[in-house]
Amino acid sequence: MHDPATDWRERLRALREEIGGLVADLPGPVAALTVRVGDCSLEIAWGPPSAASERAAPPRDAPSETERDGDLRVCTAPLVGTFYVAPGPGEPPFVRVGDRVEKGQAVGVVEAMKLMNRVVAECSGEVVEVRAADGTPVEFGQELVFLRPDGGPEAGGA
């Protein structure tokens, strides 16, 4: 005989397991998660950084050499996720300090919800700093890689 209460318990158990797996894959501490199935919707809110991630961040007492150099261009995180300097484990990094890059060249990737999003150079130039460490959580707009544009700051878009 069909028991509606058992069906709902099974559905809730399956939903709880699915959401538990999703939250485990997300970077950083998740503060809220909303899931809707009809017309498909998913909302995620992240909480404040954990004490561990705050300890991993570089000290911000004084601006770094790159922050004082207004001629540099910055490649920023296109979304919240985990930053990787290489396309895969054991592979060489996309760029190293001193490398020359072309406009549109990948300088890293940000993984979010199992999707790899390329971070690309917006100008040709020399890599002067890779600010974010490999495998660390990053926020939208966070500075990741600093470039010295070819031909100076006016030619940065070339």
Protein backbone atom coordinates (compact mmCIF):
# COMPACT_ATOMS: atom_id res chain seq x y z
CA MET A 1 0.00 0.00 0.00
CA HIS A 2 1.18 3.50 -0.87
CA ASP A 3 2.05 5.63 2.20
CA PRO A 4 2.26 9.40 1.39
CA ALA A 5 4.18 10.10 4.61
CA THR A 6 6.90 7.61 3.61
CA ASP A 7 7.15 9.18 0.13
CA TRP A 8 7.71 12.63 1.65
CA ARG A 9 10.28 11.31 4.12
CA GLU A 10 12.18 9.66 1.26
CA ARG A 11 12.05 12.83 -0.83
CA LEU A 12 13.25 14.97 2.06
CA ARG A 13 16.05 12.51 2.82
CA ALA A 14 17.18 12.57 -0.82
CA LEU A 15 16.96 16.38 -0.93
CA ARG A 16 18.97 16.68 2.32
CA GLU A 17 21.68 14.40 0.92
CA GLU A 18 21.80 16.32 -2.36
CA ILE A 19 22.07 19.70 -0.62
CA GLY A 20 24.67 18.35 1.82
CA GLY A 21 26.84 17.32 -1.14
CA LEU A 22 26.33 20.68 -2.82
CA VAL A 23 27.31 22.65 0.30
CA ALA A 24 30.38 20.45 0.76
CA ASP A 25 31.53 21.38 -2.77
CA LEU A 26 31.08 25.14 -2.30
CA PRO A 27 34.04 27.26 -1.26
CA GLY A 28 33.90 29.14 2.01
CA PRO A 29 31.31 29.10 4.78
CA VAL A 30 27.78 29.02 3.39
CA ALA A 31 25.41 31.17 5.47
CA ALA A 32 22.17 30.43 3.60
CA LEU A 33 20.99 28.23 0.76
CA THR A 34 17.62 28.37 -1.01
CA VAL A 35 16.61 25.69 -3.51
CA ARG A 36 13.45 25.73 -5.62
CA VAL A 37 12.64 23.03 -8.12
CA GLY A 38 9.72 24.57 -10.04
CA ASP A 39 11.29 26.91 -12.64
CA CYS A 40 14.65 25.97 -11.11
CA SER A 41 16.23 28.46 -8.71
CA LEU A 42 19.27 28.31 -6.44
CA GLU A 43 20.42 31.10 -4.12
CA ILE A 44 23.58 30.93 -2.05
CA ALA A 45 24.78 33.41 0.56
CA TRP A 46 28.23 33.17 2.01
CA GLY A 47 28.98 34.07 5.58
CA PRO A 48 31.89 36.11 6.82
CA PRO A 49 35.32 34.56 6.22
CA SER A 50 36.32 31.91 8.71
CA ALA A 51 39.16 32.47 11.11
CA ALA A 52 41.26 30.02 9.05
CA SER A 53 40.80 32.00 5.81
CA GLU A 54 41.56 35.26 7.59
CA ARG A 55 44.81 33.79 8.87
CA ALA A 56 45.72 32.69 5.30
CA ALA A 57 45.23 36.20 3.90
CA PRO A 58 48.35 38.31 3.60
CA PRO A 59 48.76 41.09 6.16
CA ARG A 60 47.22 44.34 4.93
CA ASP A 61 49.10 46.82 7.15
CA ALA A 62 50.92 48.58 4.34
CA PRO A 63 50.29 48.62 0.60
CA SER A 64 52.47 46.22 -1.35
CA GLU A 65 54.91 47.33 -4.01
CA THR A 66 52.35 46.53 -6.69
CA GLU A 67 49.59 48.52 -4.97
CA ARG A 68 51.84 51.61 -4.94
CA ASP A 69 52.54 51.26 -8.68
CA GLY A 70 49.57 52.88 -10.41
CA ASP A 71 50.83 51.81 -13.84
CA LEU A 72 49.90 48.18 -13.27
CA ARG A 73 46.79 46.42 -14.49
CA VAL A 74 45.01 43.92 -12.30
CA CYS A 75 43.29 40.66 -13.25
CA THR A 76 40.45 40.15 -10.78
CA ALA A 77 38.27 37.22 -9.82
CA PRO A 78 35.21 37.07 -12.09
CA LEU A 79 33.15 35.38 -9.37
CA VAL A 80 33.32 33.79 -5.94
CA GLY A 81 35.13 30.47 -5.94
CA THR A 82 38.48 28.77 -5.55
CA PHE A 83 41.47 30.17 -7.43
CA TYR A 84 43.91 27.82 -9.15
CA VAL A 85 47.19 28.87 -10.74
CA ALA A 86 47.37 25.78 -13.00
CA PRO A 87 44.89 24.01 -15.27
CA GLY A 88 45.19 20.81 -13.23
CA PRO A 89 47.05 19.14 -10.37
CA GLY A 90 50.72 18.63 -11.20
CA GLU A 91 50.55 20.81 -14.29
CA PRO A 92 52.69 23.94 -14.69
CA PRO A 93 51.08 27.24 -13.69
CA PHE A 94 49.39 29.39 -16.29
CA VAL A 95 51.83 32.22 -15.50
CA ARG A 96 54.77 33.00 -13.24
CA VAL A 97 56.24 36.32 -12.17
CA GLY A 98 58.32 37.63 -15.05
CA ASP A 99 56.29 35.85 -17.75
CA ARG A 100 55.00 37.83 -20.68
CA VAL A 101 51.29 37.39 -21.46
CA GLU A 102 49.09 38.33 -24.39
CA LYS A 103 45.70 39.97 -24.08
CA GLY A 104 43.09 37.25 -23.55
CA GLN A 105 45.61 34.67 -22.28
CA ALA A 106 44.54 32.65 -19.23
CA VAL A 107 46.40 33.62 -16.04
CA GLY A 108 44.40 31.33 -13.73
CA VAL A 109 41.01 29.74 -13.17
CA VAL A 110 38.31 30.18 -10.55
CA GLU A 111 36.27 27.08 -9.80
CA ALA A 112 32.70 27.64 -8.70
CA MET A 113 30.15 24.85 -8.43
CA LYS A 114 32.46 22.50 -10.35
CA LEU A 115 32.76 24.93 -13.28
CA MET A 116 36.20 26.23 -14.21
CA ASN A 117 36.09 29.93 -15.15
CA ARG A 118 39.17 31.32 -16.88
CA VAL A 119 40.78 34.47 -15.56
CA VAL A 120 42.29 36.22 -18.58
CA ALA A 121 44.75 39.06 -19.07
CA GLU A 122 42.97 42.20 -20.21
CA CYS A 123 46.16 43.50 -21.79
CA SER A 124 49.49 42.25 -23.03
CA GLY A 125 52.38 42.69 -20.65
CA GLU A 126 54.59 41.23 -17.94
CA VAL A 127 53.35 39.39 -14.84
CA VAL A 128 54.73 41.24 -11.81
CA GLU A 129 52.77 39.54 -9.01
CA VAL A 130 50.42 36.59 -8.50
CA ARG A 131 48.60 37.74 -5.40
CA ALA A 132 46.25 34.81 -4.66
CA ALA A 133 47.66 31.48 -3.58
CA ASP A 134 46.75 28.28 -5.37
CA GLY A 135 43.61 26.59 -4.06
CA THR A 136 42.45 29.52 -1.94
CA PRO A 137 38.91 30.90 -1.78
CA VAL A 138 38.49 34.21 -3.60
CA GLU A 139 35.74 36.81 -3.67
CA PHE A 140 34.24 38.55 -6.69
CA GLY A 141 36.58 41.34 -7.80
CA GLN A 142 39.51 40.17 -5.65
CA GLU A 143 42.90 41.09 -7.12
CA LEU A 144 44.62 37.97 -8.41
CA VAL A 145 47.41 38.86 -10.86
CA PHE A 146 49.20 42.17 -11.51
CA LEU A 147 50.49 42.98 -15.01
CA ARG A 148 52.80 45.70 -16.28
CA PRO A 149 51.24 46.58 -19.67
CA ASP A 150 53.40 46.67 -22.76
CA GLY A 151 54.16 50.26 -23.72
CA GLY A 152 53.13 51.70 -20.34
CA PRO A 153 49.76 52.46 -18.74
CA GLU A 154 48.32 54.28 -21.79
CA ALA A 155 48.95 51.24 -23.98
CA GLY A 156 47.46 48.83 -21.41
CA GLY A 157 44.48 47.95 -23.53
CA ALA A 158 46.61 46.75 -26.44
